[in-house]
Amino acid sequence: MFDAVVQWFESISPILAAFYATVFTWLLTAFGASFVYFFRTMNRSVLDGMLGFTGGVMVAASFWSLLAPP
């Protein structure tokens, strides 16, 4: 299935592909931000887990982008 998506992106215009990718990331960001309206309070352990996950993502991104050149 992943190969089909890659082939589809390669077959369309680069500008249209960038537009689709931008809309997709905007929708995911809006979806994540919408949880603020659904959950007024949050359990401290859930918040700690979410912060730990995002910290791990940032450490991995900085390692693979900056410290481990291709």
PDB file of N, CA and C in Angstrom:
ATOM      1  N   MET A   1       0.825  -1.187   0.000  1.00  0.00           N
ATOM      2  CA  MET A   1       0.000   0.000   0.000  1.00  0.00           C
ATOM      3  C   MET A   1       0.874   1.259   0.000  1.00  0.00           C
ATOM      4  N   PHE A   2       1.969   1.227   0.761  1.00  0.00           N
ATOM      5  CA  PHE A   2       2.859   2.386   0.804  1.00  0.00           C
ATOM      6  C   PHE A   2       3.424   2.686  -0.576  1.00  0.00           C
ATOM      7  N   ASP A   3       3.768   1.650  -1.333  1.00  0.00           N
ATOM      8  CA  ASP A   3       4.307   1.851  -2.683  1.00  0.00           C
ATOM      9  C   ASP A   3       3.289   2.501  -3.603  1.00  0.00           C
ATOM     10  N   ALA A   4       2.014   2.159  -3.414  1.00  0.00           N
ATOM     11  CA  ALA A   4       0.967   2.761  -4.241  1.00  0.00           C
ATOM     12  C   ALA A   4       0.836   4.250  -3.960  1.00  0.00           C
ATOM     13  N   VAL A   5       0.964   4.636  -2.709  1.00  0.00           N
ATOM     14  CA  VAL A   5       0.890   6.055  -2.350  1.00  0.00           C
ATOM     15  C   VAL A   5       2.085   6.801  -2.928  1.00  0.00           C
ATOM     16  N   VAL A   6       3.263   6.206  -2.840  1.00  0.00           N
ATOM     17  CA  VAL A   6       4.465   6.844  -3.387  1.00  0.00           C
ATOM     18  C   VAL A   6       4.338   6.994  -4.899  1.00  0.00           C
ATOM     19  N   GLN A   7       3.864   5.974  -5.578  1.00  0.00           N
ATOM     20  CA  GLN A   7       3.686   6.060  -7.033  1.00  0.00           C
ATOM     21  C   GLN A   7       2.663   7.118  -7.397  1.00  0.00           C
ATOM     22  N   TRP A   8       1.600   7.229  -6.594  1.00  0.00           N
ATOM     23  CA  TRP A   8       0.577   8.234  -6.878  1.00  0.00           C
ATOM     24  C   TRP A   8       1.162   9.637  -6.711  1.00  0.00           C
ATOM     25  N   PHE A   9       1.956   9.847  -5.644  1.00  0.00           N
ATOM     26  CA  PHE A   9       2.568  11.157  -5.448  1.00  0.00           C
ATOM     27  C   PHE A   9       3.564  11.483  -6.555  1.00  0.00           C
ATOM     28  N   GLU A  10       4.243  10.493  -7.069  1.00  0.00           N
ATOM     29  CA  GLU A  10       5.193  10.734  -8.159  1.00  0.00           C
ATOM     30  C   GLU A  10       4.488  11.037  -9.468  1.00  0.00           C
ATOM     31  N   SER A  11       3.240  10.602  -9.615  1.00  0.00           N
ATOM     32  CA  SER A  11       2.531  10.799 -10.876  1.00  0.00           C
ATOM     33  C   SER A  11       1.815  12.141 -10.953  1.00  0.00           C
ATOM     34  N   ILE A  12       1.612  12.832  -9.821  1.00  0.00           N
ATOM     35  CA  ILE A  12       0.903  14.111  -9.871  1.00  0.00           C
ATOM     36  C   ILE A  12       1.903  15.264  -9.889  1.00  0.00           C
ATOM     37  N   SER A  13       1.392  16.447 -10.107  1.00  0.00           N
ATOM     38  CA  SER A  13       2.221  17.647 -10.154  1.00  0.00           C
ATOM     39  C   SER A  13       2.869  17.898  -8.794  1.00  0.00           C
ATOM     40  N   PRO A  14       4.121  18.355  -8.785  1.00  0.00           N
ATOM     41  CA  PRO A  14       4.779  18.637  -7.501  1.00  0.00           C
ATOM     42  C   PRO A  14       4.052  19.708  -6.675  1.00  0.00           C
ATOM     43  N   ILE A  15       3.456  20.673  -7.340  1.00  0.00           N
ATOM     44  CA  ILE A  15       2.716  21.714  -6.618  1.00  0.00           C
ATOM     45  C   ILE A  15       1.478  21.124  -5.972  1.00  0.00           C
ATOM     46  N   LEU A  16       0.785  20.252  -6.673  1.00  0.00           N
ATOM     47  CA  LEU A  16      -0.391  19.602  -6.112  1.00  0.00           C
ATOM     48  C   LEU A  16      -0.005  18.652  -4.979  1.00  0.00           C
ATOM     49  N   ALA A  17       1.105  17.962  -5.125  1.00  0.00           N
ATOM     50  CA  ALA A  17       1.587  17.077  -4.057  1.00  0.00           C
ATOM     51  C   ALA A  17       1.930  17.877  -2.812  1.00  0.00           C
ATOM     52  N   ALA A  18       2.575  19.036  -2.983  1.00  0.00           N
ATOM     53  CA  ALA A  18       2.890  19.894  -1.836  1.00  0.00           C
ATOM     54  C   ALA A  18       1.615  20.415  -1.186  1.00  0.00           C
ATOM     55  N   PHE A  19       0.621  20.734  -1.988  1.00  0.00           N
ATOM     56  CA  PHE A  19      -0.660  21.189  -1.439  1.00  0.00           C
ATOM     57  C   PHE A  19      -1.328  20.086  -0.628  1.00  0.00           C
ATOM     58  N   TYR A  20      -1.356  18.878  -1.151  1.00  0.00           N
ATOM     59  CA  TYR A  20      -1.960  17.754  -0.424  1.00  0.00           C
ATOM     60  C   TYR A  20      -1.212  17.475   0.883  1.00  0.00           C
ATOM     61  N   ALA A  21       0.104  17.523   0.837  1.00  0.00           N
ATOM     62  CA  ALA A  21       0.890  17.284   2.044  1.00  0.00           C
ATOM     63  C   ALA A  21       0.654  18.380   3.074  1.00  0.00           C
ATOM     64  N   THR A  22       0.532  19.619   2.620  1.00  0.00           N
ATOM     65  CA  THR A  22       0.263  20.729   3.529  1.00  0.00           C
ATOM     66  C   THR A  22      -1.104  20.600   4.174  1.00  0.00           C
ATOM     67  N   VAL A  23      -2.104  20.263   3.395  1.00  0.00           N
ATOM     68  CA  VAL A  23      -3.455  20.097   3.941  1.00  0.00           C
ATOM     69  C   VAL A  23      -3.501  18.922   4.921  1.00  0.00           C
ATOM     70  N   PHE A  24      -2.800  17.849   4.587  1.00  0.00           N
ATOM     71  CA  PHE A  24      -2.776  16.686   5.473  1.00  0.00           C
ATOM     72  C   PHE A  24      -2.154  17.028   6.815  1.00  0.00           C
ATOM     73  N   THR A  25      -1.006  17.711   6.796  1.00  0.00           N
ATOM     74  CA  THR A  25      -0.367  18.069   8.063  1.00  0.00           C
ATOM     75  C   THR A  25      -1.185  19.100   8.823  1.00  0.00           C
ATOM     76  N   TRP A  26      -1.859  20.003   8.124  1.00  0.00           N
ATOM     77  CA  TRP A  26      -2.723  20.966   8.803  1.00  0.00           C
ATOM     78  C   TRP A  26      -3.880  20.255   9.494  1.00  0.00           C
ATOM     79  N   LEU A  27      -4.477  19.283   8.816  1.00  0.00           N
ATOM     80  CA  LEU A  27      -5.585  18.536   9.425  1.00  0.00           C
ATOM     81  C   LEU A  27      -5.139  17.771  10.663  1.00  0.00           C
ATOM     82  N   LEU A  28      -3.968  17.142  10.604  1.00  0.00           N
ATOM     83  CA  LEU A  28      -3.479  16.423  11.781  1.00  0.00           C
ATOM     84  C   LEU A  28      -3.172  17.371  12.929  1.00  0.00           C
ATOM     85  N   THR A  29      -2.609  18.546  12.622  1.00  0.00           N
ATOM     86  CA  THR A  29      -2.329  19.528  13.668  1.00  0.00           C
ATOM     87  C   THR A  29      -3.624  20.051  14.280  1.00  0.00           C
ATOM     88  N   ALA A  30      -4.610  20.331  13.454  1.00  0.00           N
ATOM     89  CA  ALA A  30      -5.902  20.809  13.961  1.00  0.00           C
ATOM     90  C   ALA A  30      -6.588  19.731  14.792  1.00  0.00           C
ATOM     91  N   PHE A  31      -6.464  18.477  14.376  1.00  0.00           N
ATOM     92  CA  PHE A  31      -7.045  17.375  15.141  1.00  0.00           C
ATOM     93  C   PHE A  31      -6.405  17.276  16.515  1.00  0.00           C
ATOM     94  N   GLY A  32      -5.099  17.365  16.574  1.00  0.00           N
ATOM     95  CA  GLY A  32      -4.407  17.307  17.856  1.00  0.00           C
ATOM     96  C   GLY A  32      -4.736  18.493  18.743  1.00  0.00           C
ATOM     97  N   ALA A  33      -4.847  19.668  18.155  1.00  0.00           N
ATOM     98  CA  ALA A  33      -5.167  20.859  18.934  1.00  0.00           C
ATOM     99  C   ALA A  33      -6.615  20.852  19.403  1.00  0.00           C
ATOM    100  N   SER A  34      -7.487  20.143  18.716  1.00  0.00           N
ATOM    101  CA  SER A  34      -8.902  20.126  19.097  1.00  0.00           C
ATOM    102  C   SER A  34      -9.143  19.400  20.414  1.00  0.00           C
ATOM    103  N   PHE A  35      -8.186  18.596  20.861  1.00  0.00           N
ATOM    104  CA  PHE A  35      -8.357  17.906  22.137  1.00  0.00           C
ATOM    105  C   PHE A  35      -8.427  18.871  23.313  1.00  0.00           C
ATOM    106  N   VAL A  36      -7.914  20.083  23.130  1.00  0.00           N
ATOM    107  CA  VAL A  36      -7.997  21.086  24.187  1.00  0.00           C
ATOM    108  C   VAL A  36      -9.456  21.391  24.492  1.00  0.00           C
ATOM    109  N   TYR A  37     -10.307  21.368  23.497  1.00  0.00           N
ATOM    110  CA  TYR A  37     -11.709  21.695  23.694  1.00  0.00           C
ATOM    111  C   TYR A  37     -12.499  20.524  24.266  1.00  0.00           C
ATOM    112  N   PHE A  38     -12.030  19.313  24.072  1.00  0.00           N
ATOM    113  CA  PHE A  38     -12.765  18.144  24.549  1.00  0.00           C
ATOM    114  C   PHE A  38     -12.386  17.746  25.963  1.00  0.00           C
ATOM    115  N   PHE A  39     -11.157  17.990  26.363  1.00  0.00           N
ATOM    116  CA  PHE A  39     -10.679  17.602  27.685  1.00  0.00           C
ATOM    117  C   PHE A  39     -10.232  18.848  28.436  1.00  0.00           C
ATOM    118  N   ARG A  40     -11.060  19.289  29.383  1.00  0.00           N
ATOM    119  CA  ARG A  40     -10.720  20.492  30.149  1.00  0.00           C
ATOM    120  C   ARG A  40      -9.629  20.211  31.179  1.00  0.00           C
ATOM    121  N   THR A  41      -9.693  19.050  31.806  1.00  0.00           N
ATOM    122  CA  THR A  41      -8.664  18.674  32.769  1.00  0.00           C
ATOM    123  C   THR A  41      -8.003  17.395  32.287  1.00  0.00           C
ATOM    124  N   MET A  42      -6.771  17.205  32.729  1.00  0.00           N
ATOM    125  CA  MET A  42      -6.043  16.021  32.295  1.00  0.00           C
ATOM    126  C   MET A  42      -5.306  15.413  33.484  1.00  0.00           C
ATOM    127  N   ASN A  43      -5.272  14.108  33.510  1.00  0.00           N
ATOM    128  CA  ASN A  43      -4.549  13.395  34.549  1.00  0.00           C
ATOM    129  C   ASN A  43      -3.054  13.701  34.429  1.00  0.00           C
ATOM    130  N   ARG A  44      -2.398  13.919  35.547  1.00  0.00           N
ATOM    131  CA  ARG A  44      -0.999  14.308  35.544  1.00  0.00           C
ATOM    132  C   ARG A  44      -0.110  13.223  34.917  1.00  0.00           C
ATOM    133  N   SER A  45      -0.414  11.966  35.151  1.00  0.00           N
ATOM    134  CA  SER A  45       0.417  10.896  34.582  1.00  0.00           C
ATOM    135  C   SER A  45       0.264  10.823  33.064  1.00  0.00           C
ATOM    136  N   VAL A  46      -0.918  11.114  32.547  1.00  0.00           N
ATOM    137  CA  VAL A  46      -1.118  11.145  31.093  1.00  0.00           C
ATOM    138  C   VAL A  46      -0.323  12.300  30.499  1.00  0.00           C
ATOM    139  N   LEU A  47      -0.368  13.455  31.165  1.00  0.00           N
ATOM    140  CA  LEU A  47       0.383  14.611  30.690  1.00  0.00           C
ATOM    141  C   LEU A  47       1.889  14.341  30.714  1.00  0.00           C
ATOM    142  N   ASP A  48       2.362  13.703  31.780  1.00  0.00           N
ATOM    143  CA  ASP A  48       3.784  13.353  31.841  1.00  0.00           C
ATOM    144  C   ASP A  48       4.180  12.393  30.722  1.00  0.00           C
ATOM    145  N   GLY A  49       3.326  11.426  30.424  1.00  0.00           N
ATOM    146  CA  GLY A  49       3.600  10.492  29.329  1.00  0.00           C
ATOM    147  C   GLY A  49       3.638  11.183  27.980  1.00  0.00           C
ATOM    148  N   MET A  50       2.707  12.107  27.760  1.00  0.00           N
ATOM    149  CA  MET A  50       2.687  12.841  26.496  1.00  0.00           C
ATOM    150  C   MET A  50       3.921  13.731  26.355  1.00  0.00           C
ATOM    151  N   LEU A  51       4.322  14.383  27.434  1.00  0.00           N
ATOM    152  CA  LEU A  51       5.512  15.223  27.381  1.00  0.00           C
ATOM    153  C   LEU A  51       6.772  14.383  27.168  1.00  0.00           C
ATOM    154  N   GLY A  52       6.828  13.200  27.778  1.00  0.00           N
ATOM    155  CA  GLY A  52       7.960  12.306  27.556  1.00  0.00           C
ATOM    156  C   GLY A  52       8.042  11.835  26.120  1.00  0.00           C
ATOM    157  N   PHE A  53       6.895  11.525  25.537  1.00  0.00           N
ATOM    158  CA  PHE A  53       6.860  11.090  24.137  1.00  0.00           C
ATOM    159  C   PHE A  53       7.341  12.196  23.208  1.00  0.00           C
ATOM    160  N   THR A  54       6.839  13.417  23.414  1.00  0.00           N
ATOM    161  CA  THR A  54       7.251  14.518  22.542  1.00  0.00           C
ATOM    162  C   THR A  54       8.730  14.849  22.731  1.00  0.00           C
ATOM    163  N   GLY A  55       9.228  14.722  23.973  1.00  0.00           N
ATOM    164  CA  GLY A  55      10.657  14.930  24.188  1.00  0.00           C
ATOM    165  C   GLY A  55      11.487  13.896  23.458  1.00  0.00           C
ATOM    166  N   GLY A  56      11.035  12.642  23.456  1.00  0.00           N
ATOM    167  CA  GLY A  56      11.736  11.592  22.719  1.00  0.00           C
ATOM    168  C   GLY A  56      11.716  11.827  21.226  1.00  0.00           C
ATOM    169  N   VAL A  57      10.604  12.320  20.718  1.00  0.00           N
ATOM    170  CA  VAL A  57      10.514  12.627  19.289  1.00  0.00           C
ATOM    171  C   VAL A  57      11.495  13.732  18.921  1.00  0.00           C
ATOM    172  N   MET A  58      11.594  14.751  19.772  1.00  0.00           N
ATOM    173  CA  MET A  58      12.515  15.850  19.474  1.00  0.00           C
ATOM    174  C   MET A  58      13.976  15.406  19.562  1.00  0.00           C
ATOM    175  N   VAL A  59      14.296  14.549  20.524  1.00  0.00           N
ATOM    176  CA  VAL A  59      15.669  14.041  20.622  1.00  0.00           C
ATOM    177  C   VAL A  59      16.003  13.196  19.395  1.00  0.00           C
ATOM    178  N   ALA A  60      15.065  12.344  18.978  1.00  0.00           N
ATOM    179  CA  ALA A  60      15.297  11.517  17.788  1.00  0.00           C
ATOM    180  C   ALA A  60      15.429  12.382  16.538  1.00  0.00           C
ATOM    181  N   ALA A  61      14.601  13.409  16.416  1.00  0.00           N
ATOM    182  CA  ALA A  61      14.676  14.285  15.242  1.00  0.00           C
ATOM    183  C   ALA A  61      16.000  15.028  15.198  1.00  0.00           C
ATOM    184  N   SER A  62      16.444  15.513  16.340  1.00  0.00           N
ATOM    185  CA  SER A  62      17.719  16.227  16.337  1.00  0.00           C
ATOM    186  C   SER A  62      18.889  15.280  16.073  1.00  0.00           C
ATOM    187  N   PHE A  63      18.807  14.052  16.577  1.00  0.00           N
ATOM    188  CA  PHE A  63      19.890  13.100  16.309  1.00  0.00           C
ATOM    189  C   PHE A  63      19.947  12.752  14.826  1.00  0.00           C
ATOM    190  N   TRP A  64      18.814  12.355  14.250  1.00  0.00           N
ATOM    191  CA  TRP A  64      18.827  11.901  12.862  1.00  0.00           C
ATOM    192  C   TRP A  64      19.001  13.035  11.881  1.00  0.00           C
ATOM    193  N   SER A  65      18.678  14.281  12.277  1.00  0.00           N
ATOM    194  CA  SER A  65      18.833  15.408  11.352  1.00  0.00           C
ATOM    195  C   SER A  65      20.190  16.079  11.484  1.00  0.00           C
ATOM    196  N   LEU A  66      20.707  16.153  12.707  1.00  0.00           N
ATOM    197  CA  LEU A  66      21.912  16.937  12.919  1.00  0.00           C
ATOM    198  C   LEU A  66      23.145  16.117  13.224  1.00  0.00           C
ATOM    199  N   LEU A  67      23.005  15.089  14.050  1.00  0.00           N
ATOM    200  CA  LEU A  67      24.176  14.402  14.558  1.00  0.00           C
ATOM    201  C   LEU A  67      24.606  13.205  13.721  1.00  0.00           C
ATOM    202  N   ALA A  68      23.697  12.604  13.007  1.00  0.00           N
ATOM    203  CA  ALA A  68      24.031  11.436  12.187  1.00  0.00           C
ATOM    204  C   ALA A  68      23.867  11.795  10.710  1.00  0.00           C
ATOM    205  N   PRO A  69      24.864  12.451  10.131  1.00  0.00           N
ATOM    206  CA  PRO A  69      24.741  12.832   8.717  1.00  0.00           C
ATOM    207  C   PRO A  69      24.702  11.589   7.833  1.00  0.00           C
ATOM    208  N   PRO A  70      24.032  11.709   6.701  1.00  0.00           N
ATOM    209  CA  PRO A  70      23.911  10.531   5.806  1.00  0.00           C
ATOM    210  C   PRO A  70      25.195  10.094   5.181  1.00  0.00           C
TER     211      PRO A  70
END
